[in-house]
Amino acid sequence: MARGSGERFADLYRRVVGAVEHLATVHPNGQLALVTHGGPVRALLLHAARDKANVLPRQVHIGNTSISLLIGGASGWDLGVINDMSHLEHTQQAPDMMSAPPDDAERP
């Protein structure tokens, strides 16, 4: 793919948030487990933090295999754990995964 020909973040944001909100509607009072790449995770975190001043840094790091938790309810979304990698603490690959360089979405 040529540089600059990918999906704009604003479009990804609308697509991902819309899909998750649809899933939440289809599964009321349920729990969803989503496995995805960093871009959609960032979109969901930003959506959950949109009404909360200074909750997330502008460039949030999402590590490989990290776990982030969002809690949805009638009043909107709340942030739970963000970028938790504690499940890697006792694995040999952990240092490489936990110290991965910033990806393109994290660069200014």
C-alpha atoms as a PDB file:
ATOM      1  CA  MET A   1       0.000   0.000   0.000  1.00  0.00           C
ATOM      2  CA  ALA A   2       1.421   3.388  -0.946  1.00  0.00           C
ATOM      3  CA  ARG A   3       2.134   5.821   1.851  1.00  0.00           C
ATOM      4  CA  GLY A   4      -0.899   7.959   2.559  1.00  0.00           C
ATOM      5  CA  SER A   5      -3.357   5.590   0.868  1.00  0.00           C
ATOM      6  CA  GLY A   6      -4.578   3.868   4.042  1.00  0.00           C
ATOM      7  CA  GLU A   7      -7.671   4.514   6.086  1.00  0.00           C
ATOM      8  CA  ARG A   8      -7.786   7.841   7.911  1.00  0.00           C
ATOM      9  CA  PHE A   9      -7.917   7.542  11.713  1.00  0.00           C
ATOM     10  CA  ALA A  10     -11.220   9.440  11.812  1.00  0.00           C
ATOM     11  CA  ASP A  11     -12.759   6.827   9.499  1.00  0.00           C
ATOM     12  CA  LEU A  12     -11.273   3.952  11.518  1.00  0.00           C
ATOM     13  CA  TYR A  13     -12.612   5.588  14.702  1.00  0.00           C
ATOM     14  CA  ARG A  14     -16.174   5.817  13.334  1.00  0.00           C
ATOM     15  CA  ARG A  15     -16.076   2.277  11.929  1.00  0.00           C
ATOM     16  CA  VAL A  16     -14.665   0.623  15.054  1.00  0.00           C
ATOM     17  CA  VAL A  17     -16.746   2.553  17.597  1.00  0.00           C
ATOM     18  CA  GLY A  18     -19.885   1.950  15.533  1.00  0.00           C
ATOM     19  CA  ALA A  19     -19.190  -1.783  15.346  1.00  0.00           C
ATOM     20  CA  VAL A  20     -18.543  -2.091  19.093  1.00  0.00           C
ATOM     21  CA  GLU A  21     -21.610  -0.034  19.977  1.00  0.00           C
ATOM     22  CA  HIS A  22     -23.655  -2.303  17.692  1.00  0.00           C
ATOM     23  CA  LEU A  23     -22.241  -5.402  19.417  1.00  0.00           C
ATOM     24  CA  ALA A  24     -23.061  -3.894  22.813  1.00  0.00           C
ATOM     25  CA  THR A  25     -26.648  -3.305  21.658  1.00  0.00           C
ATOM     26  CA  VAL A  26     -26.976  -6.863  20.372  1.00  0.00           C
ATOM     27  CA  HIS A  27     -25.545  -8.261  23.635  1.00  0.00           C
ATOM     28  CA  PRO A  28     -27.033  -6.069  26.395  1.00  0.00           C
ATOM     29  CA  ASN A  29     -25.683  -6.835  29.870  1.00  0.00           C
ATOM     30  CA  GLY A  30     -23.110  -9.116  28.288  1.00  0.00           C
ATOM     31  CA  GLN A  31     -19.345  -9.079  28.149  1.00  0.00           C
ATOM     32  CA  LEU A  32     -17.447  -8.749  24.889  1.00  0.00           C
ATOM     33  CA  ALA A  33     -13.897  -9.915  24.295  1.00  0.00           C
ATOM     34  CA  LEU A  34     -12.319  -8.243  21.281  1.00  0.00           C
ATOM     35  CA  VAL A  35      -8.952  -9.153  19.820  1.00  0.00           C
ATOM     36  CA  THR A  36      -7.557  -6.506  17.518  1.00  0.00           C
ATOM     37  CA  HIS A  37      -4.628  -4.334  16.500  1.00  0.00           C
ATOM     38  CA  GLY A  38      -3.437  -1.160  18.227  1.00  0.00           C
ATOM     39  CA  GLY A  39      -5.315   1.298  15.992  1.00  0.00           C
ATOM     40  CA  PRO A  40      -8.781   0.050  16.906  1.00  0.00           C
ATOM     41  CA  VAL A  41      -7.748  -0.171  20.569  1.00  0.00           C
ATOM     42  CA  ARG A  42      -6.630   3.490  20.456  1.00  0.00           C
ATOM     43  CA  ALA A  43      -9.930   4.474  18.818  1.00  0.00           C
ATOM     44  CA  LEU A  44     -11.937   2.738  21.536  1.00  0.00           C
ATOM     45  CA  LEU A  45      -9.818   4.223  24.335  1.00  0.00           C
ATOM     46  CA  LEU A  46     -10.191   7.705  22.882  1.00  0.00           C
ATOM     47  CA  HIS A  47     -13.940   7.200  22.571  1.00  0.00           C
ATOM     48  CA  ALA A  48     -14.204   6.103  26.197  1.00  0.00           C
ATOM     49  CA  ALA A  49     -12.079   9.070  27.336  1.00  0.00           C
ATOM     50  CA  ARG A  50     -13.718  11.715  25.124  1.00  0.00           C
ATOM     51  CA  ASP A  51     -15.634  13.383  27.966  1.00  0.00           C
ATOM     52  CA  LYS A  52     -12.876  13.003  30.528  1.00  0.00           C
ATOM     53  CA  ALA A  53     -10.246  15.743  30.447  1.00  0.00           C
ATOM     54  CA  ASN A  54      -6.599  14.677  30.439  1.00  0.00           C
ATOM     55  CA  VAL A  55      -7.282  10.977  31.006  1.00  0.00           C
ATOM     56  CA  LEU A  56      -5.203   9.688  28.101  1.00  0.00           C
ATOM     57  CA  PRO A  57      -1.973  11.015  26.655  1.00  0.00           C
ATOM     58  CA  ARG A  58      -2.236  12.066  23.012  1.00  0.00           C
ATOM     59  CA  GLN A  59       0.029   9.210  21.912  1.00  0.00           C
ATOM     60  CA  VAL A  60      -0.900   6.155  23.967  1.00  0.00           C
ATOM     61  CA  HIS A  61       1.290   3.055  23.626  1.00  0.00           C
ATOM     62  CA  ILE A  62      -0.490  -0.242  23.014  1.00  0.00           C
ATOM     63  CA  GLY A  63       1.947  -3.101  23.547  1.00  0.00           C
ATOM     64  CA  ASN A  64       1.808  -6.434  21.754  1.00  0.00           C
ATOM     65  CA  THR A  65      -0.677  -8.747  23.516  1.00  0.00           C
ATOM     66  CA  SER A  66      -1.612  -6.018  25.998  1.00  0.00           C
ATOM     67  CA  ILE A  67      -5.047  -5.978  27.622  1.00  0.00           C
ATOM     68  CA  SER A  68      -7.216  -2.888  27.861  1.00  0.00           C
ATOM     69  CA  LEU A  69     -10.613  -2.879  29.528  1.00  0.00           C
ATOM     70  CA  LEU A  70     -13.559  -0.622  28.739  1.00  0.00           C
ATOM     71  CA  ILE A  71     -16.728  -0.640  30.800  1.00  0.00           C
ATOM     72  CA  GLY A  72     -19.939   0.373  29.053  1.00  0.00           C
ATOM     73  CA  GLY A  73     -23.160   1.360  30.716  1.00  0.00           C
ATOM     74  CA  ALA A  74     -26.212   3.571  30.376  1.00  0.00           C
ATOM     75  CA  SER A  75     -24.142   6.669  31.144  1.00  0.00           C
ATOM     76  CA  GLY A  76     -21.457   5.881  28.537  1.00  0.00           C
ATOM     77  CA  TRP A  77     -18.079   4.225  28.529  1.00  0.00           C
ATOM     78  CA  ASP A  78     -15.472   4.222  31.280  1.00  0.00           C
ATOM     79  CA  LEU A  79     -11.818   3.273  31.172  1.00  0.00           C
ATOM     80  CA  GLY A  80     -10.548   0.289  33.081  1.00  0.00           C
ATOM     81  CA  VAL A  81      -7.067  -1.144  32.765  1.00  0.00           C
ATOM     82  CA  ILE A  82      -5.061   0.251  29.836  1.00  0.00           C
ATOM     83  CA  ASN A  83      -2.163  -1.564  28.167  1.00  0.00           C
ATOM     84  CA  ASP A  84      -1.807  -4.199  30.911  1.00  0.00           C
ATOM     85  CA  MET A  85       1.039  -6.572  30.105  1.00  0.00           C
ATOM     86  CA  SER A  86       1.415  -8.248  33.492  1.00  0.00           C
ATOM     87  CA  HIS A  87       0.535 -11.625  31.945  1.00  0.00           C
ATOM     88  CA  LEU A  88       3.954 -11.504  30.222  1.00  0.00           C
ATOM     89  CA  GLU A  89       6.038 -10.949  33.359  1.00  0.00           C
ATOM     90  CA  HIS A  90       7.259 -14.520  33.590  1.00  0.00           C
ATOM     91  CA  THR A  91       7.822 -15.359  29.927  1.00  0.00           C
ATOM     92  CA  GLN A  92      11.133 -15.319  28.106  1.00  0.00           C
ATOM     93  CA  GLN A  93       9.772 -13.178  25.256  1.00  0.00           C
ATOM     94  CA  ALA A  94       8.328 -10.568  27.618  1.00  0.00           C
ATOM     95  CA  PRO A  95      11.197  -8.031  27.458  1.00  0.00           C
ATOM     96  CA  ASP A  96      11.001  -7.915  23.655  1.00  0.00           C
ATOM     97  CA  MET A  97       7.229  -7.580  23.612  1.00  0.00           C
ATOM     98  CA  MET A  98       7.019  -5.129  26.487  1.00  0.00           C
ATOM     99  CA  SER A  99       9.717  -2.810  25.127  1.00  0.00           C
ATOM    100  CA  ALA A 100       8.579  -2.755  21.509  1.00  0.00           C
ATOM    101  CA  PRO A 101       9.388   0.530  19.786  1.00  0.00           C
ATOM    102  CA  PRO A 102       6.485   2.901  19.112  1.00  0.00           C
ATOM    103  CA  ASP A 103       4.522   1.998  16.005  1.00  0.00           C
ATOM    104  CA  ASP A 104       3.541   4.455  13.272  1.00  0.00           C
ATOM    105  CA  ALA A 105       0.383   5.514  15.118  1.00  0.00           C
ATOM    106  CA  GLU A 106       2.451   6.535  18.148  1.00  0.00           C
ATOM    107  CA  ARG A 107       4.891   8.751  16.278  1.00  0.00           C
ATOM    108  CA  PRO A 108       4.191  12.493  16.331  1.00  0.00           C
END
